Protein backbone atom coordinates (compact mmCIF):
# COMPACT_ATOMS: atom_id res chain seq x y z
CA UNK A 1 230.86 125.94 119.52
CA UNK A 2 228.40 123.08 119.38
CA UNK A 3 228.82 121.86 115.81
CA UNK A 4 225.52 120.01 115.87
CA UNK A 5 223.54 122.96 117.19
CA UNK A 6 225.14 125.14 114.52
CA UNK A 7 224.12 122.81 111.70
CA UNK A 8 220.69 122.17 113.20
CA UNK A 9 220.17 125.92 112.91
CA UNK A 10 221.42 125.87 109.32
CA UNK A 11 219.08 123.03 108.39
CA UNK A 12 216.22 125.01 109.96
CA UNK A 13 217.28 128.09 107.99
CA UNK A 14 217.36 126.08 104.76
CA UNK A 15 213.85 124.76 105.44
CA UNK A 16 212.66 128.31 106.15
CA UNK A 17 214.19 129.48 102.87
CA UNK A 18 212.32 126.72 101.02
CA UNK A 19 209.10 127.78 102.71
CA UNK A 20 209.73 131.44 101.81
CA UNK A 21 209.92 130.60 98.12
CA UNK A 22 206.86 128.35 98.27
CA UNK A 23 208.66 125.04 97.85
CA UNK A 24 207.47 123.90 101.28
CA UNK A 25 204.50 124.78 103.49
CA UNK A 26 205.19 127.33 106.22
CA UNK A 27 205.20 126.41 109.90
CA UNK A 28 206.50 122.85 109.71
CA UNK A 29 207.10 121.26 113.13
CA UNK A 30 210.87 120.85 113.45
CA UNK A 31 210.70 119.23 116.89
CA UNK A 32 211.84 115.83 115.63
CA UNK A 33 214.56 117.09 113.29
CA UNK A 34 218.05 116.13 114.45
CA UNK A 35 221.58 116.59 113.18
CA UNK A 36 223.98 113.91 114.41
CA UNK A 37 227.23 112.19 113.44
CA UNK A 38 227.02 109.76 110.54
CA UNK A 39 227.14 106.13 111.59
CA UNK A 40 229.98 105.53 109.13
CA UNK A 41 232.61 108.30 108.74
CA UNK A 42 232.99 107.26 105.09
CA UNK A 43 229.50 108.69 104.50
CA UNK A 44 230.38 112.18 105.70
CA UNK A 45 230.55 114.17 108.90
CA UNK A 46 226.91 114.90 109.76
CA UNK A 47 223.53 113.39 109.01
CA UNK A 48 220.02 114.81 109.34
CA UNK A 49 216.62 113.12 109.34
CA UNK A 50 214.82 116.34 108.34
CA UNK A 51 213.39 115.00 105.07
CA UNK A 52 212.30 111.74 106.71
CA UNK A 53 210.32 113.32 109.54
CA UNK A 54 208.88 116.29 107.62
CA UNK A 55 207.86 114.69 104.31
CA UNK A 56 204.36 113.63 105.36
CA UNK A 57 203.52 117.02 106.87
CA UNK A 58 204.98 118.72 103.78
CA UNK A 59 202.85 116.57 101.47
CA UNK A 60 205.74 114.99 99.60
CA UNK A 61 208.04 111.96 99.82
CA UNK A 62 211.31 111.95 101.81
CA UNK A 63 213.72 111.68 98.89
CA UNK A 64 211.99 114.51 97.01
CA UNK A 65 212.15 116.72 100.09
CA UNK A 66 215.77 115.68 100.63
CA UNK A 67 216.63 116.80 97.09
CA UNK A 68 215.10 120.22 97.76
CA UNK A 69 216.93 120.56 101.05
CA UNK A 70 220.26 119.50 99.53
CA UNK A 71 219.85 122.16 96.86
CA UNK A 72 219.50 124.79 99.59
CA UNK A 73 222.28 123.41 101.82
CA UNK A 74 224.69 123.34 98.88
CA UNK A 75 224.77 127.16 99.11
CA UNK A 76 226.58 126.88 102.46
CA UNK A 77 230.28 127.54 101.89
CA UNK A 78 231.31 125.14 104.70
CA UNK A 79 229.49 122.17 103.20
CA UNK A 80 231.61 120.33 100.64
CA UNK A 81 229.04 117.70 99.79
CA UNK A 82 225.40 116.96 100.59
CA UNK A 83 223.80 113.74 99.39
CA UNK A 84 220.72 111.60 99.95
CA UNK A 85 221.21 108.29 101.72
CA UNK A 86 218.75 105.40 101.92
CA UNK A 87 215.08 106.37 102.07
CA UNK A 88 215.74 110.07 102.63
CA UNK A 89 218.49 110.78 105.15
CA UNK A 90 220.91 113.54 104.20
CA UNK A 91 224.66 113.18 104.76
CA UNK A 92 226.85 116.28 104.93
CA UNK A 93 230.59 116.49 104.43
CA UNK A 94 232.21 119.62 105.85
CA UNK A 95 235.36 121.50 104.92
CA UNK A 96 238.43 120.63 107.05
CA UNK A 97 238.56 124.28 108.15
CA UNK A 98 235.39 123.70 110.21
CA UNK A 99 237.18 121.17 112.39
CA UNK A 100 240.36 123.24 112.48
CA UNK A 101 238.34 126.11 113.97
CA UNK A 102 236.81 123.76 116.56
CA UNK A 103 240.22 122.41 117.50
CA UNK A 104 241.50 125.95 118.01
CA UNK A 105 238.49 126.71 120.20
CA UNK A 106 239.20 123.61 122.30
CA UNK A 107 242.82 124.71 122.73
CA UNK A 108 241.90 128.25 123.76
CA UNK A 109 238.98 127.38 126.06
CA UNK A 110 240.73 124.47 127.77
CA UNK A 111 238.63 123.05 130.58
CA UNK A 112 235.76 125.37 129.61
CA UNK A 113 235.45 123.85 126.15
CA UNK A 114 232.01 122.25 125.93
CA UNK A 115 230.59 124.31 128.81
CA UNK A 116 227.05 125.49 128.07
CA UNK A 117 225.81 129.05 128.26
CA UNK A 118 224.03 129.91 131.54
CA UNK A 119 220.41 128.72 131.67
CA UNK A 120 218.94 130.36 134.80
CA UNK A 121 215.53 128.75 134.28
CA UNK A 122 214.25 126.31 135.12
CA UNK A 123 216.11 125.83 138.38
CA UNK A 124 216.79 122.12 138.88
CA UNK A 125 216.73 120.25 142.18
CA UNK A 126 218.67 116.98 142.17
CA UNK A 127 217.94 114.91 145.27
CA UNK A 128 220.23 111.94 145.74
CA UNK A 129 221.59 109.49 148.30
CA UNK A 130 219.01 110.34 151.03
CA UNK A 131 220.02 107.18 152.92
CA UNK A 132 218.13 106.68 156.16
CA UNK A 133 220.30 108.09 158.99
CA UNK A 134 220.35 104.73 160.76
CA UNK A 135 223.85 103.55 159.91
CA UNK A 136 226.77 103.76 157.50
CA UNK A 137 226.15 103.84 153.77
CA UNK A 138 226.59 100.69 151.72
CA UNK A 139 227.87 100.34 148.17
CA UNK A 140 224.37 100.67 146.72
CA UNK A 141 224.08 104.08 148.35
CA UNK A 142 227.43 104.89 146.77
CA UNK A 143 226.09 104.24 143.31
CA UNK A 144 223.21 106.64 143.86
CA UNK A 145 225.59 109.19 145.37
CA UNK A 146 227.98 109.10 142.42
CA UNK A 147 225.19 109.02 139.85
CA UNK A 148 223.41 111.99 141.41
CA UNK A 149 226.58 113.99 141.92
CA UNK A 150 227.84 113.35 138.38
CA UNK A 151 224.41 114.24 136.98
CA UNK A 152 224.37 117.50 138.96
CA UNK A 153 227.88 118.26 137.68
CA UNK A 154 226.83 117.63 134.08
CA UNK A 155 223.74 119.80 134.41
CA UNK A 156 225.81 122.61 135.93
CA UNK A 157 228.47 122.25 133.21
CA UNK A 158 225.71 122.44 130.60
CA UNK A 159 224.69 125.78 132.12
CA UNK A 160 221.79 124.89 134.39
CA UNK A 161 221.14 126.34 137.85
CA UNK A 162 221.39 123.20 140.01
CA UNK A 163 220.84 122.55 143.71
CA UNK A 164 222.10 119.28 145.20
CA UNK A 165 219.80 118.09 147.97
CA UNK A 166 219.78 115.33 150.60
CA UNK A 167 216.45 114.40 152.22
CA UNK A 168 216.97 113.26 155.80
CA UNK A 169 214.37 110.60 156.60
CA UNK A 170 214.27 111.44 160.30
CA UNK A 171 210.54 111.17 161.00
CA UNK A 172 209.75 107.48 160.55
CA UNK A 173 209.69 104.47 162.88
CA UNK A 174 213.22 103.53 161.80
CA UNK A 175 214.73 106.46 163.72
CA UNK A 176 212.98 105.29 166.88
CA UNK A 177 214.59 101.89 166.34
CA UNK A 178 217.90 103.73 165.91
CA UNK A 179 217.36 105.55 169.21
CA UNK A 180 216.60 102.33 171.09
CA UNK A 181 219.70 100.73 169.60
CA UNK A 182 221.81 103.74 170.57
CA UNK A 183 220.37 103.71 174.09
CA UNK A 184 221.65 100.15 174.50
CA UNK A 185 225.12 101.33 173.42
CA UNK A 186 224.79 104.18 175.93
CA UNK A 187 224.20 101.65 178.69
CA UNK A 188 227.16 99.68 177.38
CA UNK A 189 229.32 102.80 177.57
CA UNK A 190 228.31 103.09 181.23
CA UNK A 191 229.66 99.61 181.91
CA UNK A 192 226.65 97.36 181.43
CA UNK A 193 226.83 94.11 179.48
CA UNK A 194 224.19 94.30 176.79
CA UNK A 195 222.46 91.94 174.39
CA UNK A 196 221.06 93.45 171.22
CA UNK A 197 217.68 91.87 170.48
CA UNK A 198 216.42 91.09 167.02
CA UNK A 199 214.85 94.13 165.40
CA UNK A 200 217.45 96.61 166.63
CA UNK A 201 220.61 97.69 164.81
CA UNK A 202 223.60 95.52 165.87
CA UNK A 203 226.42 97.36 164.06
CA UNK A 204 229.53 98.53 165.92
CA UNK A 205 229.08 101.99 164.41
CA UNK A 206 226.68 102.82 167.26
CA UNK A 207 229.35 102.28 169.92
CA UNK A 208 230.64 105.83 169.37
CA UNK A 209 227.08 107.16 169.69
CA UNK A 210 226.79 105.47 173.06
CA UNK A 211 230.02 107.12 174.20
CA UNK A 212 228.80 110.51 172.97
CA UNK A 213 225.59 110.13 174.98
CA UNK A 214 227.62 109.14 178.03
CA UNK A 215 229.88 112.16 177.51
CA UNK A 216 226.97 114.60 177.21
CA UNK A 217 224.53 113.19 179.76
CA UNK A 218 226.52 111.01 182.15
CA UNK A 219 224.15 108.60 183.88
CA UNK A 220 221.18 110.99 183.87
CA UNK A 221 219.30 109.27 181.06
CA UNK A 222 219.03 106.03 183.03
CA UNK A 223 216.50 107.63 185.36
CA UNK A 224 214.22 108.73 182.55
CA UNK A 225 211.34 106.84 180.95
CA UNK A 226 211.55 105.95 177.27
CA UNK A 227 209.19 108.77 176.37
CA UNK A 228 211.61 111.18 178.10
CA UNK A 229 214.93 109.87 176.78
CA UNK A 230 213.67 108.98 173.28
CA UNK A 231 213.74 112.53 171.76
CA UNK A 232 217.14 113.20 173.37
CA UNK A 233 218.77 109.98 172.17
CA UNK A 234 217.09 110.19 168.77
CA UNK A 235 218.45 113.71 168.20
CA UNK A 236 222.00 112.78 169.21
CA UNK A 237 221.95 109.53 167.21
CA UNK A 238 220.65 111.21 164.06
CA UNK A 239 223.24 113.96 164.41
CA UNK A 240 226.06 111.44 164.81
CA UNK A 241 224.80 109.30 161.91
CA UNK A 242 224.51 112.31 159.61
CA UNK A 243 228.04 113.40 160.57
CA UNK A 244 229.25 109.93 159.59
CA UNK A 245 227.29 109.99 156.33
CA UNK A 246 228.64 113.45 155.47
CA UNK A 247 232.20 112.25 156.13
CA UNK A 248 231.68 109.18 153.92
CA UNK A 249 230.24 111.36 151.16
CA UNK A 250 233.15 113.77 151.45
CA UNK A 251 235.55 110.84 151.02
CA UNK A 252 233.68 110.16 147.78
CA UNK A 253 233.92 113.79 146.70
CA UNK A 254 230.18 114.39 147.19
CA UNK A 255 228.93 117.58 148.82
CA UNK A 256 225.29 118.69 148.99
CA UNK A 257 224.01 122.25 148.93
CA UNK A 258 220.96 121.49 151.04
CA UNK A 259 220.05 118.96 153.74
CA UNK A 260 216.28 118.88 154.20
CA UNK A 261 214.80 117.26 157.31
CA UNK A 262 211.58 115.28 156.95
CA UNK A 263 210.79 116.13 160.58
CA UNK A 264 210.96 119.84 159.72
CA UNK A 265 207.80 119.44 157.62
CA UNK A 266 205.84 119.35 160.87
CA UNK A 267 208.19 121.07 163.30
CA UNK A 268 209.10 124.40 161.71
CA UNK A 269 207.54 127.48 163.28
CA UNK A 270 204.45 125.62 164.38
CA UNK A 271 203.47 124.97 160.76
CA UNK A 272 202.41 121.49 159.63
CA UNK A 273 203.36 121.48 155.95
CA UNK A 274 201.86 118.01 155.47
CA UNK A 275 198.45 119.16 156.75
CA UNK A 276 198.70 122.24 154.54
CA UNK A 277 199.44 120.06 151.52
CA UNK A 278 196.50 117.76 152.18
CA UNK A 279 194.22 120.76 152.72
CA UNK A 280 195.36 122.28 149.43
CA UNK A 281 194.66 119.05 147.56
CA UNK A 282 191.30 118.69 149.28
CA UNK A 283 190.33 122.24 148.26
CA UNK A 284 190.77 121.17 144.66
CA UNK A 285 188.76 117.95 145.13
CA UNK A 286 191.90 115.82 144.86
CA UNK A 287 191.40 114.20 148.28
CA UNK A 288 188.38 112.14 149.30
CA UNK A 289 187.25 109.47 151.76
CA UNK A 290 186.99 105.99 150.30
CA UNK A 291 188.12 102.36 150.30
CA UNK A 292 190.84 100.67 148.27
CA UNK A 293 191.03 97.11 146.95
CA UNK A 294 194.05 95.12 148.16
CA UNK A 295 197.15 95.49 145.96
CA UNK A 296 197.59 92.76 143.36
CA UNK A 297 200.71 90.67 143.65
CA UNK A 298 202.76 93.19 145.58
CA UNK A 299 203.21 94.40 149.12
CA UNK A 300 202.06 97.92 149.93
CA UNK A 301 202.69 98.87 153.54
CA UNK A 302 200.35 101.87 153.28
CA UNK A 303 197.30 99.72 152.35
CA UNK A 304 194.61 99.11 154.96
CA UNK A 305 191.18 97.53 154.50
CA UNK A 306 189.08 100.44 155.74
CA UNK A 307 187.61 103.74 154.64
CA UNK A 308 190.42 106.26 154.58
CA UNK A 309 191.68 109.58 153.25
CA UNK A 310 192.82 109.07 149.66
CA UNK A 311 194.63 111.15 147.05
CA UNK A 312 193.22 110.94 143.51
CA UNK A 313 196.48 109.67 142.07
CA UNK A 314 194.72 107.93 139.15
CA UNK A 315 193.68 111.36 137.87
CA UNK A 316 197.39 112.01 137.22
CA UNK A 317 198.46 108.72 135.71
CA UNK A 318 198.89 106.40 138.70
CA UNK A 319 197.36 102.91 138.83
CA UNK A 320 195.29 103.39 142.01
CA UNK A 321 194.44 106.19 144.41
CA UNK A 322 196.76 106.45 147.43
CA UNK A 323 196.17 106.75 151.20
CA UNK A 324 197.40 109.83 153.06
CA UNK A 325 196.53 108.92 156.67
CA UNK A 326 197.08 105.74 158.68
CA UNK A 327 194.43 104.27 160.96
CA UNK A 328 195.99 106.02 163.97
CA UNK A 329 195.67 109.39 162.25
CA UNK A 330 199.37 109.76 161.49
CA UNK A 331 200.59 110.54 158.00
CA UNK A 332 201.66 107.87 155.53
CA UNK A 333 205.17 108.04 154.09
CA UNK A 334 203.54 109.14 150.86
CA UNK A 335 201.82 112.13 152.50
CA UNK A 336 205.15 113.33 153.86
CA UNK A 337 206.78 112.85 150.48
CA UNK A 338 204.06 114.87 148.74
CA UNK A 339 204.60 117.74 151.16
CA UNK A 340 208.36 117.51 150.67
CA UNK A 341 208.09 117.75 146.88
CA UNK A 342 205.59 120.58 147.23
CA UNK A 343 208.23 122.39 149.27
CA UNK A 344 210.70 121.93 146.42
CA UNK A 345 208.29 123.62 144.05
CA UNK A 346 207.58 126.50 146.45
CA UNK A 347 211.34 126.96 146.78
CA UNK A 348 211.50 127.63 143.05
CA UNK A 349 212.27 124.21 141.57
CA UNK A 350 209.91 123.45 138.71
CA UNK A 351 212.20 120.65 137.55
CA UNK A 352 213.00 117.93 140.06
CA UNK A 353 215.20 114.86 139.69
CA UNK A 354 215.15 112.13 142.34
CA UNK A 355 217.74 109.36 142.41
CA UNK A 356 216.39 106.22 144.10
CA UNK A 357 217.38 102.63 144.59
CA UNK A 358 215.81 100.10 142.24
CA UNK A 359 213.68 98.68 145.08
CA UNK A 360 211.61 101.89 144.98
CA UNK A 361 210.49 101.37 141.37
CA UNK A 362 206.88 100.80 142.40
CA UNK A 363 206.80 104.24 144.02
CA UNK A 364 207.60 106.23 140.88
CA UNK A 365 204.14 106.62 139.34
CA UNK A 366 202.48 107.82 142.54
CA UNK A 367 205.21 110.36 143.22
CA UNK A 368 205.09 111.73 139.69
CA UNK A 369 201.30 111.93 140.00
CA UNK A 370 201.69 113.83 143.26
CA UNK A 371 204.09 116.34 141.74
CA UNK A 372 201.70 117.01 138.87
CA UNK A 373 198.92 117.59 141.40
CA UNK A 374 200.67 119.84 143.92
CA UNK A 375 202.27 121.97 141.19
CA UNK A 376 199.08 122.19 139.07
CA UNK A 377 201.03 120.67 136.21
CA UNK A 378 203.78 123.30 136.33
CA UNK A 379 206.37 121.00 137.91
CA UNK A 380 208.03 117.87 136.57
CA UNK A 381 209.68 114.98 138.38
CA UNK A 382 212.12 112.59 136.74
CA UNK A 383 213.04 109.58 138.86
CA UNK A 384 216.28 107.77 138.06
CA UNK A 385 216.54 104.28 139.51
CA UNK A 386 219.97 102.85 140.30
CA UNK A 387 220.19 99.08 140.12
CA UNK A 388 222.07 96.86 142.53
CA UNK A 389 225.84 96.73 142.90
CA UNK A 390 227.35 93.25 143.20
CA UNK A 391 230.58 93.58 145.15
CA UNK A 392 233.23 91.06 144.07
CA UNK A 393 236.91 90.37 144.55
CA UNK A 394 238.49 88.42 141.67
CA UNK A 395 235.03 87.30 140.66
CA UNK A 396 234.00 86.05 144.11
CA UNK A 397 231.31 87.76 146.27
CA UNK A 398 232.71 89.87 149.10
CA UNK A 399 231.67 88.91 152.62
CA UNK A 400 229.78 91.20 154.97
CA UNK A 401 231.43 93.86 157.10
CA UNK A 402 232.08 93.54 160.81
CA UNK A 403 231.52 97.28 161.23
CA UNK A 404 228.01 97.38 159.81
CA UNK A 405 226.93 93.93 160.89
CA UNK A 406 225.33 92.83 157.63
CA UNK A 407 226.83 94.62 154.61
CA UNK A 408 230.05 96.07 153.25
CA UNK A 409 230.19 99.80 153.92
CA UNK A 410 230.84 102.35 151.23
CA UNK A 411 233.73 103.80 153.23
CA UNK A 412 235.49 100.41 153.32
CA UNK A 413 235.32 100.25 149.52
CA UNK A 414 236.60 103.83 149.10
CA UNK A 415 239.47 103.16 151.49
CA UNK A 416 240.45 100.01 149.59
CA UNK A 417 240.30 101.12 145.95
CA UNK A 418 240.17 104.93 146.09
CA UNK A 419 237.66 107.60 145.17
CA UNK A 420 238.47 107.69 141.46
CA UNK A 421 237.85 103.99 140.87
CA UNK A 422 234.54 104.10 142.74
CA UNK A 423 233.28 107.22 141.00
CA UNK A 424 234.23 106.28 137.45
CA UNK A 425 233.03 102.69 137.62
CA UNK A 426 229.72 103.71 139.18
CA UNK A 427 228.83 105.68 136.04
CA UNK A 428 230.59 103.46 133.51
CA UNK A 429 227.40 101.45 133.28
CA UNK A 430 223.89 102.75 132.74
CA UNK A 431 222.09 103.33 136.04
CA UNK A 432 219.26 100.89 135.30
CA UNK A 433 221.66 97.96 134.75
CA UNK A 434 223.12 95.84 137.57
CA UNK A 435 226.78 96.66 138.20
CA UNK A 436 229.46 94.08 139.00
CA UNK A 437 232.11 95.97 140.99
CA UNK A 438 235.27 93.89 141.33
CA UNK A 439 237.63 95.32 143.95
CA UNK A 440 240.63 93.62 142.31
CA UNK A 441 239.85 94.61 138.72
CA UNK A 442 239.26 98.32 139.38
CA UNK A 443 242.83 98.82 140.64
CA UNK A 444 244.55 96.94 137.82
CA UNK A 445 246.89 99.00 135.67
CA UNK A 446 245.69 97.63 132.37
CA UNK A 447 243.54 98.64 129.43
CA UNK A 448 240.84 96.36 130.82
CA UNK A 449 240.39 98.78 133.72
CA UNK A 450 238.40 101.73 132.30
CA UNK A 451 239.37 104.33 134.92
CA UNK A 452 243.07 103.52 134.59
CA UNK A 453 242.79 103.56 130.78
CA UNK A 454 241.27 107.07 130.73
CA UNK A 455 243.58 108.51 133.38
CA UNK A 456 246.58 106.98 131.60
CA UNK A 457 245.59 108.76 128.39
CA UNK A 458 245.62 112.09 130.24
CA UNK A 459 248.98 111.25 131.83
CA UNK A 460 250.37 110.40 128.38
CA UNK A 461 249.27 113.81 127.12
CA UNK A 462 251.11 115.42 130.03
CA UNK A 463 254.23 113.36 129.30
CA UNK A 464 254.25 114.60 125.68
CA UNK A 465 254.49 118.17 126.93
CA UNK A 466 257.37 117.22 129.20
CA UNK A 467 259.15 115.70 126.19
CA UNK A 468 258.45 118.82 124.13
CA UNK A 469 259.99 121.09 126.78
CA UNK A 470 263.13 118.96 126.74
CA UNK A 471 263.32 118.90 122.93
CA UNK A 472 262.44 122.59 122.44
CA UNK A 473 263.33 124.44 125.68
CA UNK A 474 262.31 127.84 124.30
CA UNK A 475 259.05 126.76 122.71
CA UNK A 476 255.97 128.77 123.73
CA UNK A 477 253.45 126.16 124.85
CA UNK A 478 250.74 128.58 125.96
CA UNK A 479 247.23 127.93 124.59
CA UNK A 480 247.40 131.20 122.65
CA UNK A 481 250.63 130.13 120.91
CA UNK A 482 249.38 126.60 120.22
CA UNK A 483 246.10 127.91 118.77
CA UNK A 484 248.18 129.77 116.16
CA UNK A 485 249.78 126.54 114.87
CA UNK A 486 249.28 125.34 111.32
CA UNK A 487 246.64 122.76 112.13
CA UNK A 488 246.28 121.86 108.45
CA UNK A 489 249.32 119.65 109.07
CA UNK A 490 247.01 117.22 110.87
CA UNK A 491 246.01 115.03 107.96
CA UNK A 492 246.21 111.45 109.21
CA UNK A 493 242.86 109.65 109.33
CA UNK A 494 243.35 108.73 113.02
CA UNK A 495 244.16 112.34 113.92
CA UNK A 496 241.13 113.66 112.07
CA UNK A 497 238.94 111.05 113.73
CA UNK A 498 240.02 112.31 117.15
CA UNK A 499 239.43 115.93 116.12
CA UNK A 500 235.87 114.95 115.18
CA UNK A 501 235.46 113.29 118.57
CA UNK A 502 236.57 116.54 120.22
CA UNK A 503 234.03 118.39 118.07
CA UNK A 504 231.33 116.06 119.44
CA UNK A 505 232.09 116.82 123.12
CA UNK A 506 229.66 119.78 123.52
CA UNK A 507 226.91 117.61 122.03
CA UNK A 508 227.73 114.79 124.45
CA UNK A 509 227.48 117.21 127.38
CA UNK A 510 224.13 118.61 126.21
CA UNK A 511 222.76 115.16 125.47
CA UNK A 512 223.83 113.71 128.82
CA UNK A 513 222.31 116.69 130.63
CA UNK A 514 219.04 116.55 128.68
CA UNK A 515 218.62 112.78 129.10
CA UNK A 516 219.89 112.77 132.72
CA UNK A 517 222.43 110.07 131.78
CA UNK A 518 225.95 110.54 133.21
CA UNK A 519 227.15 107.29 131.67
CA UNK A 520 227.24 109.02 128.28
CA UNK A 521 230.11 111.18 129.51
CA UNK A 522 232.03 108.19 130.92
CA UNK A 523 231.59 106.30 127.66
CA UNK A 524 232.77 109.32 125.68
CA UNK A 525 236.02 109.93 127.59
CA UNK A 526 236.78 106.21 127.39
CA UNK A 527 236.24 106.31 123.61
CA UNK A 528 238.48 109.37 123.31
CA UNK A 529 241.16 107.74 125.47
CA UNK A 530 241.02 104.58 123.38
CA UNK A 531 241.42 106.54 120.14
CA UNK A 532 244.35 108.48 121.60
CA UNK A 533 246.12 105.34 122.82
CA UNK A 534 245.71 103.85 119.32
CA UNK A 535 247.24 106.95 117.75
CA UNK A 536 250.13 106.81 120.24
CA UNK A 537 250.81 103.20 119.23
CA UNK A 538 250.53 104.11 115.55
CA UNK A 539 253.34 106.63 116.04
CA UNK A 540 255.70 103.84 117.05
CA UNK A 541 255.55 102.45 113.51
CA UNK A 542 255.09 105.78 111.70
CA UNK A 543 257.68 108.34 112.88
CA UNK A 544 255.90 111.13 110.99
CA UNK A 545 252.96 110.75 113.38
CA UNK A 546 255.00 111.15 116.56
CA UNK A 547 253.89 114.08 118.66
CA UNK A 548 257.39 115.47 119.22
CA UNK A 549 259.68 115.56 116.19
CA UNK A 550 262.99 117.32 116.88
CA UNK A 551 263.60 117.81 113.15
CA UNK A 552 260.22 119.39 112.43
CA UNK A 553 259.31 122.21 114.79
CA UNK A 554 256.14 123.30 112.95
CA UNK A 555 254.72 119.78 112.85
CA UNK A 556 255.50 119.41 116.55
CA UNK A 557 253.65 122.62 117.43
CA UNK A 558 250.58 121.50 115.44
CA UNK A 559 250.52 118.14 117.18
CA UNK A 560 251.06 119.73 120.57
CA UNK A 561 247.97 121.86 119.93
CA UNK A 562 246.13 118.66 119.08
CA UNK A 563 247.39 116.94 122.27
CA UNK A 564 246.48 120.00 124.34
CA UNK A 565 242.90 119.75 123.07
CA UNK A 566 242.73 116.01 123.81
CA UNK A 567 244.17 116.61 127.27
CA UNK A 568 241.68 119.40 127.98
CA UNK A 569 238.65 117.34 126.96
CA UNK A 570 239.82 114.33 128.96
CA UNK A 571 240.46 116.53 132.01
CA UNK A 572 237.10 118.27 131.57
CA UNK A 573 235.18 115.01 131.28
CA UNK A 574 236.98 113.51 134.27
CA UNK A 575 236.36 116.66 136.33
CA UNK A 576 232.64 116.57 135.56
CA UNK A 577 232.64 112.91 136.58
CA UNK A 578 234.43 113.91 139.79
CA UNK A 579 237.58 111.94 138.91
CA UNK A 580 241.18 113.18 139.05
CA UNK A 581 243.18 113.78 135.86
CA UNK A 582 246.74 112.78 136.89
CA UNK A 583 249.88 114.13 135.23
CA UNK A 584 251.65 110.84 135.91
CA UNK A 585 250.54 107.30 136.73
CA UNK A 586 252.32 105.74 139.69
C-alpha cells in the first residue's frame, strides 16, 4: 500500500464530489496536486496543496476552497482531523489503525514491501558506464556504474521493464591507439625491449594482452604491415579489455543485460545503420549542407570551417546545428551516437536514460535533440551527469596507480574497501555534486560512516531476534504470527515516528524511480537506521521500550513485529542499492 497514492486518490474523489454537487467546476487539472508528509509531525500526518494549486482555475481563493475540501474529506472514516494551514494548505491527521495496517503489510510482504505493480510500458533502457575499452576503469567510472545500476534496480523494483546496457565505443581512433599500444606489448612478449612513445597507452594492464597475442599468433604478426595486423590486434585487445571491464564490474556487483558495439552499427549484415539514419533525417528535411560559425568559448572537436552535412539540431532545442560527416567523409561521433539511439528506439525503448561523466555536459542538448528527431517526438532521453570523485585517504589525495599509469583503478578501490562501501557511498550524494571518497573513512566502524551505520542497524535487528529466541524458545516468529500481534501496544512517539517512516517507503521508491535519483533511497535508509539506533538507545533508559521483555510476552511480540518491518525495509533498500544486509557486524 502506498499511503500517499491512496490519499491522493481520496483527495481527487473529494474534489470530484464537490464538482458533482456544483461547488466546483468540472474537469479541474489535478496534475499539480500532491499529497506528502507534513513538514512538522505536530501538524498531522499528511498535507495536500490541492486548494493552493486549484483555486485560481476554480475561480475562488485557496482558503475558501480548502474549507470546501475539508468538509468533504471529513466524511472519510480514517481521517481524524483535517484543517487549513497557512494560505491554504490542508493538513490531515489519520487514525492509528491506518499505520497499524501498513505495519502489518510490511511484516507480511517482507522484502517485497514497497515493490511497485508491473508497468510493462514504456520499456526503459538505462545505458551506463560505457567506458572506452582502452584500459581499466577508474573511480569516476565506478560512480557512473553504481549510479546506473542502482537506478536500474530502483526502476525495476518500482515495476518498470528495464534493460541495462553498455555501449562499447570500439569504432573511434582511440581503439587504434589501443591496438598500437598492444602491438608494442606483443613485441615485448616476444623478447624485444620496447619504449612506449607519448600518445600511446603506457599502463601495465596491456602486458597480458601482449602475451595473449603471442600465445595466439606466435611471431606471425611481425611479418605483417600495420594495415594487416591492425584489425587482428584491435579485436584481441578490445576483447581482453572488455573481459577486464566485465570482471571489474562483477566485483562491483554490476551486470549488464546488453553490450552494444558501436562498430556493429556499420558492420552488421552489410547494413550501415549510420547511413540509414542520416538518410531518414534527410528525407524529412532535417539534414542539409551548410556552414557553421566557430563555437564560442568552448572546444568542439567536430567543428570544421567548411560547408558540411548538418543536422537541424536547433529545430529540436539545441543551440546550433551539428555536423554529421568529417572532411574525409567519415562519420562524426555524433552521427554514430544518433544511429545508436535510433537503434534503442527501434528495439522498443521509448524511454532512454544515459549516465555520463560530467565532462560530457555540453553534449546533452544535441543528443536530446537527436532523440526527438529520430523518434519523431515519441522517444525521450534523460541524461544523468555524474560529477567527479576525489579519492582521499585520511583527507589527503591518493597517488596514481602503477597498474594504470596515471590514475587509481576502480578495482584497486574495491579490493581495498569492499563492494558495499563503494556502492553505498557512490549514491549517498546526489550525482551532480562532487564526491569526496575517503578510503580510510568508509571502513570506519562508527556512526560517521553511513554504510556501516545502516548495515549496523540491520544487524541490530537480527540480534534482537536472536535474543527473542533465547528468551522465548517456543515463540512463533514467522511473519504470519508477528502480523497477528497487538500492534496497538506501540504507542511511544519514537516508535510511531518509525512506523510512519516505514509507511513512506513505497513513496520513496516511486519518487526515486520517477526522478531518476538513487540518492533518495540511500538517504531514506540512513534516516530509518538513525531513527532505529535512537530508539535502541532510548530503551537503555526506558525498560518498557526494550524490544525483548521476558516478563511481557505480548509486548515483546508486538515489538518483534515492529523490528521485523524495520529489518525488512532496511534489507530491501540495501538490496536495491546493491549492498549487503549483514546479520552480524564483524
